[in-house]
Amino acid sequence: QRRRRRRRHRNISKVHLSWSAHPTANKLQMVVPFLDRVDGDWATKGVSSHYLTIIWSAISPLARLIVALLIVWSLGGNLHKPRQQTAILTGVCSAFLTFCYLTPMLTGYHDDSATNNNKNELATFALYLLSFAAALIGMALGSLLPRPFSGVALGAGFGLFLVTALENAGSNASGGLIGFPMLGGGLGLLGGFVGIRFHNPLILPLSTIVIIGATASTIAKPHLFTSLKNVTLGYNNHHTSTLLLTWIIASTLTTAAVFYRDSSLLRIFQGGYSHLDAEADEHGDDKTLK
């Protein structure tokens, strides 16, 4: 019994020494021996990792497509709540623009040293935090002033679409004088003025079609987010044709969802338009700047 206790004590000491000698990143592999570290991620060894890669590559695009379609369907039928819909659209625009224009400022480190790696992590955290804060501010403004900010969202989104189309045509619009800051900003101000002065019932559906179409396209194809960001910043972009085509398809699906879920929109072209929830709209939901 004493010999068994000594052997057990020696084995425990060896395990403790081997555990402390390994770095933290490899301790998981000691606990679960069939795991292996591949390209910075944990994956199973042998044939099973190949099957997992195949399954994930097949499921991931389908899952992204389902999420994009759910967003199109859910937000396409939310026009009877103009304050909530405008808040969502303005929040998306604010977060996207904040992320685009702060990325070169906060993550502009190219040194691979440990100090700058820490700076990159901190800058990335600050970038996402500031983008989230901008989304909250945009949602608050859109909910408070739905008429002008629905026009601003339409103008900015349509301006970005025009810059993408011009860039695809080979005019180098994103890097020229008619880039997004000029075209998108000008159309945004014009849309805000039109929303205040005329209150056209088409403004909110059109802004929904443009903004939700862009959002759904970047969710279905994540690499298009980088292309959209490059167009916004005026960088060279080689995927504008794919971005433009995907954006048009997603906007077409959003248009179908909008008109299917709110059939009263068809009466805009015949006169006498009113929301499905006309009584709430008339008495209290959207009296901003009346």
Protein backbone atom coordinates (compact mmCIF):
# COMPACT_ATOMS: atom_id res chain seq x y z
CA GLN A 1 0.00 0.00 0.00
CA ARG A 2 2.87 2.38 0.77
CA ARG A 3 4.41 1.62 -2.63
CA ARG A 4 1.10 2.28 -4.36
CA ARG A 5 0.74 5.58 -2.53
CA ARG A 6 4.28 6.60 -3.50
CA ARG A 7 3.68 5.68 -7.16
CA ARG A 8 0.39 7.57 -7.16
CA HIS A 9 2.08 10.60 -5.59
CA ARG A 10 4.87 10.49 -8.20
CA ASN A 11 2.35 10.25 -11.06
CA ILE A 12 0.39 13.21 -9.70
CA SER A 13 3.63 15.22 -9.37
CA LYS A 14 4.61 14.39 -12.97
CA VAL A 15 1.19 15.43 -14.27
CA HIS A 16 1.38 18.67 -12.29
CA LEU A 17 4.86 19.45 -13.61
CA SER A 18 3.91 18.67 -17.21
CA TRP A 19 0.75 20.81 -16.85
CA SER A 20 2.65 23.79 -15.47
CA ALA A 21 5.36 23.44 -18.11
CA HIS A 22 2.88 23.74 -20.98
CA PRO A 23 1.67 27.15 -22.08
CA THR A 24 -1.93 28.08 -21.53
CA ALA A 25 -2.82 27.69 -25.21
CA ASN A 26 -1.81 23.98 -25.16
CA LYS A 27 -3.49 22.95 -21.90
CA LEU A 28 -6.78 22.30 -23.67
CA GLN A 29 -5.03 19.80 -25.90
CA MET A 30 -3.75 17.92 -22.79
CA VAL A 31 -7.26 17.67 -21.35
CA VAL A 32 -8.90 16.69 -24.66
CA PRO A 33 -6.20 14.78 -26.57
CA PHE A 34 -8.14 14.52 -29.85
CA LEU A 35 -8.07 18.29 -30.30
CA ASP A 36 -5.38 19.98 -32.33
CA ARG A 37 -4.58 23.65 -32.89
CA VAL A 38 -4.85 24.54 -36.58
CA ASP A 39 -4.36 28.14 -37.76
CA GLY A 40 -5.09 29.51 -34.30
CA ASP A 41 -8.36 27.55 -33.87
CA TRP A 42 -9.08 24.30 -32.13
CA ALA A 43 -10.12 21.47 -34.44
CA THR A 44 -10.31 17.72 -34.14
CA LYS A 45 -7.43 15.64 -35.40
CA GLY A 46 -7.64 13.18 -38.26
CA VAL A 47 -10.50 12.51 -40.61
CA SER A 48 -13.16 14.12 -38.39
CA SER A 49 -11.71 17.61 -38.91
CA HIS A 50 -12.13 17.17 -42.65
CA TYR A 51 -15.79 16.27 -42.21
CA LEU A 52 -16.32 19.18 -39.83
CA THR A 53 -14.81 21.56 -42.39
CA ILE A 54 -17.11 20.22 -45.12
CA ILE A 55 -20.19 20.44 -42.88
CA TRP A 56 -19.37 23.97 -41.73
CA SER A 57 -18.65 25.17 -45.28
CA ALA A 58 -22.04 23.80 -46.34
CA ILE A 59 -24.05 25.11 -43.37
CA SER A 60 -22.50 28.56 -42.99
CA PRO A 61 -23.71 30.11 -46.31
CA LEU A 62 -27.17 28.64 -45.80
CA ALA A 63 -27.37 30.02 -42.25
CA ARG A 64 -26.30 33.49 -43.43
CA LEU A 65 -28.87 33.39 -46.22
CA ILE A 66 -31.64 32.42 -43.79
CA VAL A 67 -30.69 35.25 -41.41
CA ALA A 68 -30.68 37.75 -44.30
CA LEU A 69 -34.12 36.59 -45.46
CA LEU A 70 -35.49 36.81 -41.93
CA ILE A 71 -34.23 40.39 -41.65
CA VAL A 72 -35.82 41.28 -44.99
CA TRP A 73 -39.13 39.70 -44.00
CA SER A 74 -39.31 41.12 -40.48
CA LEU A 75 -38.21 44.68 -41.26
CA GLY A 76 -40.06 44.80 -44.55
CA GLY A 77 -43.40 44.64 -42.75
CA ASN A 78 -42.65 47.16 -40.03
CA LEU A 79 -43.77 50.28 -41.88
CA HIS A 80 -46.90 50.70 -39.75
CA LYS A 81 -44.53 51.75 -36.95
CA PRO A 82 -42.66 54.66 -38.57
CA ARG A 83 -40.78 55.71 -35.44
CA GLN A 84 -39.43 52.22 -34.79
CA GLN A 85 -38.59 51.63 -38.46
CA THR A 86 -36.82 54.97 -38.80
CA ALA A 87 -34.90 54.29 -35.59
CA ILE A 88 -33.65 50.98 -36.98
CA LEU A 89 -32.64 52.48 -40.33
CA THR A 90 -30.89 55.46 -38.75
CA GLY A 91 -29.11 53.21 -36.24
CA VAL A 92 -27.80 50.96 -39.02
CA CYS A 93 -26.54 53.95 -41.03
CA SER A 94 -24.91 55.58 -37.99
CA ALA A 95 -23.13 52.38 -36.92
CA PHE A 96 -21.90 51.65 -40.45
CA LEU A 97 -20.56 55.14 -41.11
CA THR A 98 -18.91 55.33 -37.68
CA PHE A 99 -17.25 51.96 -38.24
CA CYS A 100 -16.04 52.97 -41.72
CA TYR A 101 -14.53 56.33 -40.85
CA LEU A 102 -13.01 55.31 -37.51
CA THR A 103 -11.38 52.12 -38.80
CA PRO A 104 -8.38 53.89 -40.47
CA MET A 105 -7.91 56.06 -37.40
CA LEU A 106 -8.09 53.38 -34.70
CA THR A 107 -6.64 50.29 -36.39
CA GLY A 108 -3.86 51.85 -38.44
CA TYR A 109 -1.06 49.82 -36.82
CA HIS A 110 1.20 47.70 -39.03
CA ASP A 111 3.86 46.61 -36.54
CA ASP A 112 3.62 43.00 -35.30
CA SER A 113 5.24 43.63 -31.93
CA ALA A 114 3.48 42.68 -28.72
CA THR A 115 2.86 46.30 -27.78
CA ASN A 116 1.13 47.12 -31.04
CA ASN A 117 -0.82 43.86 -30.92
CA ASN A 118 -2.25 45.03 -27.62
CA LYS A 119 -2.98 48.39 -29.22
CA ASN A 120 -4.80 46.62 -32.05
CA GLU A 121 -6.96 44.69 -29.62
CA LEU A 122 -7.78 47.81 -27.66
CA ALA A 123 -8.45 49.80 -30.84
CA THR A 124 -10.74 47.08 -32.19
CA PHE A 125 -12.68 47.01 -28.94
CA ALA A 126 -12.98 50.81 -28.99
CA LEU A 127 -14.10 50.70 -32.62
CA TYR A 128 -16.95 48.28 -31.93
CA LEU A 129 -17.90 50.15 -28.77
CA LEU A 130 -18.08 53.50 -30.57
CA SER A 131 -20.04 51.96 -33.44
CA PHE A 132 -22.54 50.53 -30.96
CA ALA A 133 -22.84 53.92 -29.25
CA ALA A 134 -23.38 55.58 -32.64
CA ALA A 135 -26.13 53.07 -33.40
CA LEU A 136 -27.88 53.93 -30.13
CA ILE A 137 -27.61 57.67 -30.84
CA GLY A 138 -28.92 57.16 -34.39
CA MET A 139 -31.84 55.10 -33.10
CA ALA A 140 -32.70 57.80 -30.56
CA LEU A 141 -32.64 60.53 -33.21
CA GLY A 142 -34.63 58.44 -35.68
CA SER A 143 -37.26 57.67 -33.08
CA LEU A 144 -37.48 61.31 -32.01
CA LEU A 145 -37.56 62.82 -35.53
CA PRO A 146 -38.80 60.11 -37.92
CA ARG A 147 -39.71 62.37 -40.83
CA PRO A 148 -36.35 64.11 -41.43
CA PHE A 149 -34.18 61.12 -40.55
CA SER A 150 -36.08 58.72 -42.80
CA GLY A 151 -35.20 61.13 -45.62
CA VAL A 152 -31.60 61.36 -44.44
CA ALA A 153 -31.32 57.55 -44.41
CA LEU A 154 -32.81 57.37 -47.92
CA GLY A 155 -30.45 60.04 -49.27
CA ALA A 156 -27.33 58.53 -47.71
CA GLY A 157 -28.22 54.99 -48.80
CA PHE A 158 -29.13 56.03 -52.32
CA GLY A 159 -25.97 58.13 -52.54
CA LEU A 160 -23.85 55.12 -51.61
CA PHE A 161 -25.72 53.04 -54.18
CA LEU A 162 -25.03 55.64 -56.88
CA VAL A 163 -21.34 55.80 -55.97
CA THR A 164 -21.16 52.00 -56.17
CA ALA A 165 -22.86 52.04 -59.58
CA LEU A 166 -20.53 54.76 -60.87
CA GLU A 167 -17.52 52.89 -59.53
CA ASN A 168 -18.71 49.75 -61.28
CA ALA A 169 -19.03 51.74 -64.51
CA GLY A 170 -15.34 52.64 -64.24
CA SER A 171 -15.66 56.33 -63.41
CA ASN A 172 -13.61 56.12 -60.15
CA ALA A 173 -16.39 58.02 -58.41
CA SER A 174 -15.55 56.84 -54.89
CA GLY A 175 -12.12 58.40 -55.02
CA GLY A 176 -13.09 61.51 -56.97
CA LEU A 177 -14.88 64.72 -56.15
CA ILE A 178 -18.31 63.05 -56.34
CA GLY A 179 -17.49 60.40 -53.76
CA PHE A 180 -19.75 59.36 -50.94
CA PRO A 181 -18.99 62.31 -48.61
CA MET A 182 -20.20 64.73 -51.27
CA LEU A 183 -22.92 62.73 -53.00
CA GLY A 184 -24.22 60.85 -49.96
CA GLY A 185 -24.05 63.91 -47.72
CA GLY A 186 -25.80 66.13 -50.24
CA LEU A 187 -28.55 63.62 -50.95
CA GLY A 188 -28.95 63.00 -47.22
CA LEU A 189 -29.52 66.70 -46.55
CA LEU A 190 -31.91 66.88 -49.50
CA GLY A 191 -33.82 63.84 -48.26
CA GLY A 192 -34.11 65.32 -44.78
CA PHE A 193 -35.50 68.58 -46.22
CA VAL A 194 -38.01 66.70 -48.39
CA GLY A 195 -39.08 64.60 -45.41
CA ILE A 196 -39.75 67.72 -43.32
CA ARG A 197 -41.34 69.86 -46.02
CA PHE A 198 -43.46 67.41 -48.01
CA HIS A 199 -43.76 64.21 -45.92
CA ASN A 200 -44.03 61.93 -48.93
CA PRO A 201 -45.33 58.47 -47.88
CA LEU A 202 -42.82 56.85 -50.24
CA ILE A 203 -39.77 58.05 -48.29
CA LEU A 204 -39.89 55.45 -45.52
CA PRO A 205 -40.56 52.46 -47.85
CA LEU A 206 -37.78 53.55 -50.20
CA SER A 207 -35.29 54.05 -47.37
CA THR A 208 -36.25 50.61 -46.04
CA ILE A 209 -35.66 49.04 -49.45
CA VAL A 210 -32.22 50.65 -49.88
CA ILE A 211 -30.85 50.25 -46.33
CA ILE A 212 -32.28 46.81 -45.54
CA GLY A 213 -31.23 45.59 -48.99
CA ALA A 214 -27.64 46.63 -48.30
CA THR A 215 -27.73 45.09 -44.82
CA ALA A 216 -29.12 41.79 -46.09
CA SER A 217 -26.56 41.60 -48.90
CA THR A 218 -23.62 42.07 -46.52
CA ILE A 219 -25.03 39.42 -44.17
CA ALA A 220 -25.54 36.91 -46.99
CA LYS A 221 -22.03 37.62 -48.35
CA PRO A 222 -19.80 38.97 -45.53
CA HIS A 223 -16.90 39.89 -47.84
CA LEU A 224 -19.19 42.47 -49.46
CA PHE A 225 -19.06 44.49 -46.24
CA THR A 226 -15.39 45.21 -46.95
CA SER A 227 -16.27 46.20 -50.51
CA LEU A 228 -19.00 48.54 -49.26
CA LYS A 229 -16.61 50.04 -46.73
CA ASN A 230 -13.97 50.59 -49.43
CA VAL A 231 -16.50 52.38 -51.63
CA THR A 232 -17.50 54.59 -48.69
CA LEU A 233 -13.88 55.48 -47.93
CA GLY A 234 -12.90 55.96 -51.57
CA TYR A 235 -10.45 53.04 -51.71
CA ASN A 236 -9.78 50.92 -54.78
CA ASN A 237 -12.37 48.17 -55.01
CA HIS A 238 -12.48 45.21 -57.40
CA HIS A 239 -15.78 43.65 -56.30
CA THR A 240 -18.23 46.44 -57.11
CA SER A 241 -20.05 44.34 -59.72
CA THR A 242 -20.78 41.57 -57.21
CA LEU A 243 -21.72 44.13 -54.57
CA LEU A 244 -24.05 45.99 -56.93
CA LEU A 245 -25.74 42.82 -58.18
CA THR A 246 -26.25 41.43 -54.67
CA TRP A 247 -27.55 44.79 -53.45
CA ILE A 248 -30.08 44.95 -56.31
CA ILE A 249 -31.29 41.39 -55.63
CA ALA A 250 -31.62 42.03 -51.88
CA SER A 251 -33.43 45.32 -52.52
CA THR A 252 -35.81 43.56 -54.91
CA LEU A 253 -36.63 40.98 -52.24
CA THR A 254 -37.11 43.75 -49.71
CA THR A 255 -39.47 45.54 -52.12
CA ALA A 256 -41.53 42.36 -52.49
CA ALA A 257 -41.67 41.94 -48.71
CA VAL A 258 -42.66 45.59 -48.18
CA PHE A 259 -45.53 45.56 -50.68
CA TYR A 260 -46.68 42.07 -49.70
CA ARG A 261 -46.89 42.83 -45.99
CA ASP A 262 -48.41 46.30 -46.45
CA SER A 263 -50.68 46.07 -49.49
CA SER A 264 -52.03 49.56 -48.83
CA LEU A 265 -48.78 50.93 -50.27
CA LEU A 266 -50.14 50.10 -53.72
CA ARG A 267 -52.72 52.84 -53.22
CA ILE A 268 -49.92 55.44 -53.36
CA PHE A 269 -50.12 55.18 -57.16
CA GLN A 270 -53.91 55.42 -57.06
CA GLY A 271 -54.34 58.04 -54.30
CA GLY A 272 -55.88 57.62 -50.86
CA TYR A 273 -52.92 55.90 -49.23
CA SER A 274 -52.97 55.11 -45.51
CA HIS A 275 -50.99 52.71 -43.33
CA LEU A 276 -52.54 49.47 -42.14
CA ASP A 277 -52.62 51.03 -38.68
CA ALA A 278 -54.01 54.33 -39.88
CA GLU A 279 -55.74 55.26 -36.63
CA ALA A 280 -52.53 55.05 -34.57
CA ASP A 281 -50.64 57.00 -37.21
CA GLU A 282 -53.27 59.72 -37.28
CA HIS A 283 -53.64 60.23 -33.54
CA GLY A 284 -50.25 59.85 -32.02
CA ASP A 285 -47.48 57.82 -33.59
CA ASP A 286 -46.02 60.34 -35.99
CA LYS A 287 -46.89 63.94 -35.29
CA THR A 288 -43.25 65.02 -35.45
CA LEU A 289 -42.81 68.45 -37.07
CA LYS A 290 -46.48 68.61 -38.19
